[in-house]
Amino acid sequence: MTSAGMERAVPILPVDDLDEARRFYVDTLGFTVTFEATEDGKTGLLGVARGTIALTLDCPMAGHGRDACVAIHVEDADRYFAEWSARTAVMREPRDEPWGARTFDLADPFGNTLFVIGPAA
C-alpha cells in the first residue's frame, strides 16, 4: 500500500454497513477498493483510495468513538466539489478560508464529515 520510505497516516472511519459504504465511497465518490476483509459483506474492513487519498472503513467500529472527521487535501477543491456535488449532497459549498485555503465539506451516510481542503482560489 505504500512504497519504500513513504510514511502516511490513514484515517479509519466508523461505518454501519460495508455494502452501503462501498456504494458511497466507490460508486458515488469514485474511490477504488484497495483491500477488503469481510465474511458477510456487511461487517469487517474495507480499504479505499483515490490518488494519494486512502481511507479504511470499519464496521462495527467499537471503542473508537463515532462521528469522525477527516481532512482530505486536494489540488483543486472546486473540481472535487463540482464532481461530488453532482452525485451527493454537500454540507457546505466551497469558500476561501482566512487561513489561506479553499474548503467544503460533506457527510457520508454514517455521519462522518469529509472536510475537503485545497489551495485558496
N, C-alpha and C. Protein backbone atom coordinates (compact mmCIF):
# COMPACT_ATOMS: atom_id res chain seq x y z
N MET A 1 0.81 -1.19 0.00
CA MET A 1 0.00 0.00 0.00
C MET A 1 0.85 1.26 0.00
N THR A 2 2.04 1.23 0.56
CA THR A 2 2.93 2.37 0.50
C THR A 2 4.25 1.91 -0.09
N SER A 3 4.92 2.84 -0.73
CA SER A 3 6.22 2.49 -1.30
C SER A 3 7.28 2.61 -0.22
N ALA A 4 8.45 2.01 -0.49
CA ALA A 4 9.54 2.03 0.48
C ALA A 4 9.90 3.46 0.84
N GLY A 5 10.05 3.74 2.12
CA GLY A 5 10.43 5.06 2.57
C GLY A 5 9.27 6.04 2.69
N MET A 6 8.07 5.63 2.29
CA MET A 6 6.92 6.54 2.37
C MET A 6 6.11 6.20 3.60
N GLU A 7 5.87 7.20 4.44
CA GLU A 7 5.04 7.01 5.61
C GLU A 7 3.83 7.92 5.48
N ARG A 8 2.68 7.46 5.97
CA ARG A 8 1.48 8.29 5.95
C ARG A 8 0.50 7.76 6.97
N ALA A 9 -0.41 8.62 7.35
CA ALA A 9 -1.49 8.24 8.25
C ALA A 9 -2.72 7.97 7.40
N VAL A 10 -3.44 6.89 7.72
CA VAL A 10 -4.67 6.56 7.01
C VAL A 10 -5.80 6.58 8.02
N PRO A 11 -6.74 7.52 7.87
CA PRO A 11 -7.87 7.57 8.81
C PRO A 11 -8.72 6.31 8.73
N ILE A 12 -9.24 5.90 9.88
CA ILE A 12 -10.19 4.79 9.96
C ILE A 12 -11.53 5.39 10.36
N LEU A 13 -12.53 5.21 9.49
CA LEU A 13 -13.84 5.79 9.74
C LEU A 13 -14.84 4.71 10.12
N PRO A 14 -15.67 4.97 11.13
CA PRO A 14 -16.70 4.00 11.50
C PRO A 14 -17.85 4.04 10.51
N VAL A 15 -18.32 2.86 10.12
CA VAL A 15 -19.49 2.74 9.24
C VAL A 15 -20.43 1.69 9.83
N ASP A 16 -21.67 1.70 9.36
CA ASP A 16 -22.66 0.76 9.86
C ASP A 16 -22.90 -0.42 8.93
N ASP A 17 -22.40 -0.32 7.69
CA ASP A 17 -22.67 -1.36 6.69
C ASP A 17 -21.64 -1.21 5.57
N LEU A 18 -20.80 -2.23 5.37
CA LEU A 18 -19.76 -2.14 4.34
C LEU A 18 -20.33 -2.03 2.94
N ASP A 19 -21.46 -2.69 2.66
CA ASP A 19 -22.08 -2.56 1.33
C ASP A 19 -22.48 -1.12 1.05
N GLU A 20 -23.11 -0.49 2.02
CA GLU A 20 -23.52 0.90 1.85
C GLU A 20 -22.29 1.81 1.75
N ALA A 21 -21.27 1.53 2.55
CA ALA A 21 -20.03 2.31 2.48
C ALA A 21 -19.39 2.18 1.10
N ARG A 22 -19.35 0.98 0.55
CA ARG A 22 -18.79 0.76 -0.78
C ARG A 22 -19.56 1.58 -1.82
N ARG A 23 -20.89 1.54 -1.76
CA ARG A 23 -21.70 2.31 -2.72
C ARG A 23 -21.37 3.80 -2.64
N PHE A 24 -21.25 4.33 -1.42
CA PHE A 24 -20.98 5.76 -1.27
C PHE A 24 -19.57 6.12 -1.72
N TYR A 25 -18.57 5.45 -1.16
CA TYR A 25 -17.19 5.84 -1.44
C TYR A 25 -16.73 5.44 -2.84
N VAL A 26 -17.13 4.28 -3.33
CA VAL A 26 -16.69 3.81 -4.64
C VAL A 26 -17.62 4.32 -5.75
N ASP A 27 -18.90 4.01 -5.64
CA ASP A 27 -19.83 4.36 -6.71
C ASP A 27 -20.12 5.86 -6.77
N THR A 28 -20.23 6.52 -5.63
CA THR A 28 -20.58 7.94 -5.61
C THR A 28 -19.37 8.85 -5.70
N LEU A 29 -18.33 8.58 -4.88
CA LEU A 29 -17.18 9.49 -4.82
C LEU A 29 -16.02 9.06 -5.71
N GLY A 30 -16.05 7.88 -6.30
CA GLY A 30 -15.00 7.49 -7.24
C GLY A 30 -13.74 6.90 -6.64
N PHE A 31 -13.81 6.42 -5.41
CA PHE A 31 -12.67 5.71 -4.82
C PHE A 31 -12.61 4.30 -5.39
N THR A 32 -11.46 3.64 -5.24
CA THR A 32 -11.33 2.23 -5.62
C THR A 32 -11.04 1.42 -4.36
N VAL A 33 -11.42 0.16 -4.38
CA VAL A 33 -11.16 -0.72 -3.24
C VAL A 33 -9.72 -1.18 -3.28
N THR A 34 -9.01 -1.03 -2.15
CA THR A 34 -7.62 -1.48 -2.06
C THR A 34 -7.51 -2.79 -1.29
N PHE A 35 -8.43 -3.03 -0.37
CA PHE A 35 -8.48 -4.31 0.33
C PHE A 35 -9.86 -4.46 0.95
N GLU A 36 -10.21 -5.71 1.23
CA GLU A 36 -11.48 -5.99 1.90
C GLU A 36 -11.31 -7.22 2.77
N ALA A 37 -11.78 -7.11 4.00
CA ALA A 37 -11.75 -8.23 4.93
C ALA A 37 -13.15 -8.37 5.52
N THR A 38 -13.96 -9.25 4.94
CA THR A 38 -15.33 -9.43 5.38
C THR A 38 -15.77 -10.84 5.06
N GLU A 39 -16.63 -11.38 5.89
CA GLU A 39 -17.20 -12.69 5.62
C GLU A 39 -18.63 -12.59 5.10
N ASP A 40 -19.29 -11.46 5.40
CA ASP A 40 -20.70 -11.33 5.02
C ASP A 40 -21.00 -10.11 4.15
N GLY A 41 -20.00 -9.30 3.81
CA GLY A 41 -20.21 -8.12 3.00
C GLY A 41 -20.76 -6.93 3.77
N LYS A 42 -21.15 -7.14 5.00
CA LYS A 42 -21.73 -6.06 5.81
C LYS A 42 -20.80 -5.60 6.92
N THR A 43 -20.03 -6.54 7.51
CA THR A 43 -19.13 -6.20 8.61
C THR A 43 -17.70 -6.53 8.20
N GLY A 44 -16.75 -5.86 8.86
CA GLY A 44 -15.35 -6.09 8.58
C GLY A 44 -14.65 -4.78 8.24
N LEU A 45 -13.65 -4.88 7.38
CA LEU A 45 -12.85 -3.72 6.99
C LEU A 45 -12.86 -3.57 5.47
N LEU A 46 -12.86 -2.32 5.02
CA LEU A 46 -12.80 -2.02 3.59
C LEU A 46 -11.82 -0.86 3.41
N GLY A 47 -10.78 -1.09 2.63
CA GLY A 47 -9.82 -0.03 2.32
C GLY A 47 -10.18 0.58 0.97
N VAL A 48 -10.18 1.91 0.90
CA VAL A 48 -10.46 2.60 -0.35
C VAL A 48 -9.40 3.66 -0.59
N ALA A 49 -9.19 3.98 -1.87
CA ALA A 49 -8.20 5.01 -2.22
C ALA A 49 -8.65 5.74 -3.48
N ARG A 50 -8.17 6.95 -3.58
CA ARG A 50 -8.35 7.76 -4.78
C ARG A 50 -7.11 8.63 -4.88
N GLY A 51 -6.27 8.33 -5.86
CA GLY A 51 -4.97 9.02 -5.92
C GLY A 51 -4.18 8.69 -4.67
N THR A 52 -3.71 9.72 -3.99
CA THR A 52 -2.94 9.50 -2.76
C THR A 52 -3.81 9.54 -1.50
N ILE A 53 -5.14 9.68 -1.68
CA ILE A 53 -6.07 9.68 -0.55
C ILE A 53 -6.42 8.23 -0.22
N ALA A 54 -6.23 7.83 1.03
CA ALA A 54 -6.57 6.48 1.46
C ALA A 54 -7.39 6.54 2.74
N LEU A 55 -8.42 5.68 2.82
CA LEU A 55 -9.27 5.58 4.00
C LEU A 55 -9.51 4.11 4.30
N THR A 56 -9.71 3.79 5.56
CA THR A 56 -10.16 2.46 5.95
C THR A 56 -11.53 2.63 6.60
N LEU A 57 -12.48 1.81 6.17
CA LEU A 57 -13.84 1.85 6.68
C LEU A 57 -14.05 0.61 7.55
N ASP A 58 -14.52 0.81 8.77
CA ASP A 58 -14.56 -0.25 9.78
C ASP A 58 -15.99 -0.44 10.30
N CYS A 59 -16.51 -1.68 10.21
CA CYS A 59 -17.85 -1.99 10.70
C CYS A 59 -17.86 -3.34 11.42
N PRO A 60 -18.29 -3.42 12.66
CA PRO A 60 -18.58 -2.28 13.52
C PRO A 60 -17.30 -1.77 14.14
N MET A 61 -17.22 -0.48 14.39
CA MET A 61 -16.02 0.10 14.99
C MET A 61 -16.36 0.47 16.42
N ALA A 62 -16.12 -0.46 17.32
CA ALA A 62 -16.45 -0.25 18.72
C ALA A 62 -15.26 0.31 19.48
N GLY A 63 -15.53 1.21 20.39
CA GLY A 63 -14.49 1.69 21.30
C GLY A 63 -13.63 2.80 20.76
N HIS A 64 -13.89 3.29 19.55
CA HIS A 64 -13.05 4.33 18.98
C HIS A 64 -13.79 5.64 18.78
N GLY A 65 -15.04 5.74 19.20
CA GLY A 65 -15.82 6.96 19.01
C GLY A 65 -16.55 6.93 17.68
N ARG A 66 -17.42 7.88 17.50
CA ARG A 66 -18.23 7.99 16.29
C ARG A 66 -18.16 9.42 15.78
N ASP A 67 -18.86 9.66 14.67
CA ASP A 67 -18.93 11.00 14.08
C ASP A 67 -17.53 11.57 13.85
N ALA A 68 -16.74 10.85 13.11
CA ALA A 68 -15.37 11.25 12.84
C ALA A 68 -15.32 12.32 11.75
N CYS A 69 -14.21 13.00 11.66
CA CYS A 69 -13.97 13.98 10.61
C CYS A 69 -12.58 13.71 10.05
N VAL A 70 -12.47 13.70 8.72
CA VAL A 70 -11.18 13.52 8.08
C VAL A 70 -10.96 14.67 7.12
N ALA A 71 -9.77 15.26 7.15
CA ALA A 71 -9.39 16.31 6.21
C ALA A 71 -8.79 15.64 4.98
N ILE A 72 -9.29 16.01 3.81
CA ILE A 72 -8.79 15.46 2.56
C ILE A 72 -8.15 16.61 1.78
N HIS A 73 -6.83 16.58 1.64
CA HIS A 73 -6.12 17.63 0.93
C HIS A 73 -6.09 17.30 -0.56
N VAL A 74 -6.54 18.26 -1.38
CA VAL A 74 -6.63 18.08 -2.82
C VAL A 74 -6.00 19.26 -3.54
N GLU A 75 -5.73 19.09 -4.82
CA GLU A 75 -5.13 20.17 -5.60
C GLU A 75 -6.14 21.23 -5.99
N ASP A 76 -7.43 20.87 -6.10
CA ASP A 76 -8.45 21.80 -6.58
C ASP A 76 -9.79 21.47 -5.92
N ALA A 77 -10.13 22.18 -4.85
CA ALA A 77 -11.37 21.91 -4.12
C ALA A 77 -12.59 22.11 -5.01
N ASP A 78 -12.55 23.10 -5.90
CA ASP A 78 -13.70 23.36 -6.76
C ASP A 78 -13.96 22.20 -7.73
N ARG A 79 -12.91 21.56 -8.20
CA ARG A 79 -13.08 20.42 -9.10
C ARG A 79 -13.75 19.25 -8.36
N TYR A 80 -13.30 18.97 -7.14
CA TYR A 80 -13.93 17.92 -6.36
C TYR A 80 -15.37 18.29 -6.01
N PHE A 81 -15.60 19.57 -5.68
CA PHE A 81 -16.97 19.99 -5.38
C PHE A 81 -17.87 19.78 -6.58
N ALA A 82 -17.43 20.18 -7.76
CA ALA A 82 -18.25 20.02 -8.97
C ALA A 82 -18.59 18.55 -9.20
N GLU A 83 -17.60 17.67 -9.04
CA GLU A 83 -17.83 16.24 -9.26
C GLU A 83 -18.73 15.65 -8.19
N TRP A 84 -18.40 15.88 -6.94
CA TRP A 84 -19.11 15.21 -5.85
C TRP A 84 -20.49 15.80 -5.60
N SER A 85 -20.67 17.12 -5.76
CA SER A 85 -21.98 17.71 -5.51
C SER A 85 -22.99 17.29 -6.57
N ALA A 86 -22.52 16.84 -7.72
CA ALA A 86 -23.42 16.32 -8.74
C ALA A 86 -23.92 14.92 -8.38
N ARG A 87 -23.24 14.26 -7.44
CA ARG A 87 -23.56 12.89 -7.08
C ARG A 87 -24.17 12.73 -5.70
N THR A 88 -23.92 13.70 -4.80
CA THR A 88 -24.40 13.58 -3.42
C THR A 88 -24.54 14.97 -2.81
N ALA A 89 -25.30 15.06 -1.74
CA ALA A 89 -25.48 16.35 -1.07
C ALA A 89 -24.20 16.75 -0.35
N VAL A 90 -23.91 18.04 -0.35
CA VAL A 90 -22.77 18.57 0.40
C VAL A 90 -23.31 19.41 1.56
N MET A 91 -22.53 19.50 2.61
CA MET A 91 -22.95 20.26 3.79
C MET A 91 -22.73 21.76 3.57
N ARG A 92 -21.64 22.09 2.87
CA ARG A 92 -21.28 23.48 2.68
C ARG A 92 -20.52 23.63 1.37
N GLU A 93 -20.87 24.65 0.59
CA GLU A 93 -20.19 24.91 -0.68
C GLU A 93 -18.78 25.46 -0.43
N PRO A 94 -17.92 25.43 -1.46
CA PRO A 94 -16.55 25.92 -1.28
C PRO A 94 -16.51 27.39 -0.85
N ARG A 95 -15.54 27.67 0.01
CA ARG A 95 -15.29 29.05 0.41
C ARG A 95 -13.80 29.21 0.70
N ASP A 96 -13.32 30.42 0.51
CA ASP A 96 -11.94 30.73 0.85
C ASP A 96 -11.87 31.02 2.34
N GLU A 97 -10.96 30.34 3.02
CA GLU A 97 -10.80 30.48 4.46
C GLU A 97 -9.79 31.59 4.77
N PRO A 98 -9.93 32.25 5.91
CA PRO A 98 -8.97 33.30 6.27
C PRO A 98 -7.55 32.77 6.48
N TRP A 99 -7.42 31.46 6.68
CA TRP A 99 -6.10 30.86 6.89
C TRP A 99 -5.46 30.39 5.59
N GLY A 100 -6.04 30.78 4.43
CA GLY A 100 -5.37 30.57 3.15
C GLY A 100 -5.70 29.29 2.42
N ALA A 101 -6.88 28.74 2.62
CA ALA A 101 -7.28 27.52 1.91
C ALA A 101 -8.69 27.71 1.37
N ARG A 102 -9.06 26.84 0.44
CA ARG A 102 -10.44 26.79 -0.07
C ARG A 102 -11.01 25.45 0.37
N THR A 103 -12.17 25.48 1.04
CA THR A 103 -12.69 24.27 1.66
C THR A 103 -14.18 24.08 1.36
N PHE A 104 -14.61 22.83 1.46
CA PHE A 104 -16.02 22.49 1.54
C PHE A 104 -16.11 21.18 2.30
N ASP A 105 -17.32 20.82 2.72
CA ASP A 105 -17.44 19.55 3.42
C ASP A 105 -18.75 18.87 3.08
N LEU A 106 -18.71 17.55 3.26
CA LEU A 106 -19.88 16.71 3.06
C LEU A 106 -19.84 15.62 4.09
N ALA A 107 -20.98 14.96 4.30
CA ALA A 107 -21.06 13.88 5.27
C ALA A 107 -21.33 12.58 4.53
N ASP A 108 -20.73 11.51 5.03
CA ASP A 108 -21.04 10.19 4.47
C ASP A 108 -22.35 9.70 5.12
N PRO A 109 -22.89 8.59 4.67
CA PRO A 109 -24.17 8.12 5.22
C PRO A 109 -24.11 7.73 6.70
N PHE A 110 -22.93 7.74 7.30
CA PHE A 110 -22.76 7.28 8.67
C PHE A 110 -22.48 8.43 9.64
N GLY A 111 -22.51 9.68 9.15
CA GLY A 111 -22.29 10.84 10.00
C GLY A 111 -20.85 11.31 10.07
N ASN A 112 -19.95 10.71 9.30
CA ASN A 112 -18.57 11.17 9.26
C ASN A 112 -18.46 12.35 8.30
N THR A 113 -17.69 13.37 8.68
CA THR A 113 -17.50 14.54 7.84
C THR A 113 -16.23 14.39 7.01
N LEU A 114 -16.36 14.65 5.70
CA LEU A 114 -15.21 14.73 4.80
C LEU A 114 -14.96 16.22 4.58
N PHE A 115 -13.87 16.74 5.14
CA PHE A 115 -13.52 18.16 5.07
C PHE A 115 -12.47 18.29 3.97
N VAL A 116 -12.89 18.82 2.83
CA VAL A 116 -12.01 18.89 1.65
C VAL A 116 -11.29 20.24 1.66
N ILE A 117 -9.95 20.18 1.52
CA ILE A 117 -9.11 21.37 1.62
C ILE A 117 -8.23 21.47 0.38
N GLY A 118 -8.31 22.60 -0.32
CA GLY A 118 -7.44 22.87 -1.45
C GLY A 118 -6.83 24.25 -1.29
N PRO A 119 -5.95 24.63 -2.23
CA PRO A 119 -5.39 25.98 -2.18
C PRO A 119 -6.49 27.02 -2.39
N ALA A 120 -6.30 28.20 -1.81
CA ALA A 120 -7.26 29.29 -1.99
C ALA A 120 -7.38 29.64 -3.46
N ALA A 121 -8.58 30.04 -3.87
CA ALA A 121 -8.84 30.38 -5.26
C ALA A 121 -8.15 31.69 -5.63
